[in-house]
Each structure stands twice: as C-alpha cells, then as structure tokens.
C-alpha cells in the first residue's frame, strides 16, 4: 500500500521542522526582549503556552487529528517541561 504519495519525505520533514522551530522560538524570544523585567518569566511562559496551543492545533489540523486533544497534550507536556526546567534552575541556583 505504499505509493509515491504516501512515502516518507525526510528532507521535507527536516526543513519544515527547522522552519517551525525557528518561528516558534521567535515568540518567546521577542517577549523576553519586550516584557518588563519584573514579570518577564510569567509573561514569557504564558506567551510560550499560547504559541504551543497554536502549534498543537495547527499540527493536528494538518495531520488530520483532533485539534483540541492535540493542543491539550502539547500544553500539558510543555507546562511540565517548563516547570521541571525552572525547578532545576532554582535548585542549581541560577539567576534568571
């Protein structure tokens, strides 16, 4: 059942991933630059989560999956990753 249309396209996937990650990284980066220093962490986390909702939604729609479920999954795992990273930073004594 594998045809020319359904075969994997690794180079296309790699370029799309590179572009998506680059664009996705711009939103939090710009937020860090523009947000007031006193609330930079909270605002950046919120903007990142909103961007991740959009990413999960668009990715699911593109792939034909249920978008709400995908957006929730992306946000849940991303929130866990951000919380874990923040906790490790606190434990290590880093300055943000």
Protein backbone atom coordinates (compact mmCIF):
# COMPACT_ATOMS: atom_id res chain seq x y z
CA UNK A 1 0.00 0.00 0.00
CA UNK A 2 3.00 2.35 -0.10
CA UNK A 3 2.87 4.68 -3.07
CA UNK A 4 4.86 7.68 -4.29
CA UNK A 5 2.39 9.94 -2.49
CA UNK A 6 2.48 8.12 0.86
CA UNK A 7 6.22 7.53 1.20
CA UNK A 8 8.17 9.41 3.83
CA UNK A 9 9.92 12.61 2.76
CA UNK A 10 12.70 13.09 5.34
CA UNK A 11 14.28 16.18 3.76
CA UNK A 12 10.91 17.91 3.52
CA UNK A 13 10.17 17.00 7.14
CA UNK A 14 13.58 18.28 8.27
CA UNK A 15 13.15 21.66 6.56
CA UNK A 16 9.59 22.08 7.81
CA UNK A 17 10.73 21.23 11.35
CA UNK A 18 13.62 23.69 11.16
CA UNK A 19 11.34 26.49 9.97
CA UNK A 20 8.65 25.66 12.53
CA UNK A 21 11.12 25.59 15.44
CA UNK A 22 12.71 28.86 14.31
CA UNK A 23 9.39 30.65 14.02
CA UNK A 24 8.16 29.12 17.27
CA UNK A 25 11.27 30.30 19.10
CA UNK A 26 10.79 33.89 17.95
CA UNK A 27 7.62 34.48 20.01
CA UNK A 28 9.14 33.82 23.45
CA UNK A 29 12.40 35.49 22.40
CA UNK A 30 10.63 38.70 21.39
CA UNK A 31 8.58 38.51 24.60
CA UNK A 32 11.74 38.32 26.72
CA UNK A 33 13.06 41.42 24.99
CA UNK A 34 9.82 43.42 25.35
CA UNK A 35 8.44 42.27 28.73
CA UNK A 36 9.19 44.25 31.88
CA UNK A 37 11.99 42.68 33.87
CA UNK A 38 9.80 42.17 36.96
CA UNK A 39 7.30 39.92 35.16
CA UNK A 40 9.44 38.53 32.34
CA UNK A 41 9.27 34.88 33.40
CA UNK A 42 5.49 34.75 33.83
CA UNK A 43 4.74 36.65 30.62
CA UNK A 44 7.21 34.58 28.60
CA UNK A 45 5.76 31.31 29.93
CA UNK A 46 2.23 32.48 29.07
CA UNK A 47 3.21 33.54 25.54
CA UNK A 48 5.04 30.24 25.03
CA UNK A 49 1.97 28.29 26.14
CA UNK A 50 -0.29 30.26 23.80
CA UNK A 51 2.15 29.60 20.96
CA UNK A 52 2.18 25.91 21.86
CA UNK A 53 -1.62 25.77 21.78
CA UNK A 54 -1.50 27.22 18.27
CA UNK A 55 1.26 24.81 17.27
CA UNK A 56 -0.64 21.79 18.59
CA UNK A 57 -3.84 22.94 16.91
CA UNK A 58 -2.24 23.62 13.52
CA UNK A 59 -0.21 20.42 13.64
CA UNK A 60 -3.27 18.34 14.39
CA UNK A 61 -5.35 20.03 11.68
CA UNK A 62 -2.54 19.50 9.19
CA UNK A 63 -2.21 15.84 10.11
CA UNK A 64 -5.94 15.17 10.29
CA UNK A 65 -6.03 14.55 14.06
CA UNK A 66 -8.48 16.04 16.59
CA UNK A 67 -7.07 19.56 17.24
CA UNK A 68 -8.36 20.13 20.77
CA UNK A 69 -6.89 16.90 22.07
CA UNK A 70 -3.53 17.65 20.41
CA UNK A 71 -3.44 21.21 21.77
CA UNK A 72 -4.19 19.97 25.29
CA UNK A 73 -1.49 17.30 25.04
CA UNK A 74 1.12 19.79 23.80
CA UNK A 75 0.26 22.29 26.55
CA UNK A 76 0.30 19.69 29.33
CA UNK A 77 3.67 18.21 28.40
CA UNK A 78 5.16 21.64 27.69
CA UNK A 79 3.98 23.01 31.02
CA UNK A 80 5.55 20.03 32.77
CA UNK A 81 8.82 20.59 30.87
CA UNK A 82 8.89 24.30 31.71
CA UNK A 83 8.14 23.65 35.39
CA UNK A 84 10.85 20.98 35.58
CA UNK A 85 13.39 23.25 33.87
CA UNK A 86 12.52 26.14 36.18
CA UNK A 87 12.82 23.85 39.24
CA UNK A 88 16.21 22.54 38.15
CA UNK A 89 17.34 26.13 37.63
CA UNK A 90 16.24 27.04 41.15
CA UNK A 91 18.00 24.02 42.61
CA UNK A 92 21.17 24.86 40.68
CA UNK A 93 20.98 28.43 41.93
CA UNK A 94 20.87 30.10 38.53
CA UNK A 95 19.88 33.72 38.09
CA UNK A 96 17.13 34.50 35.60
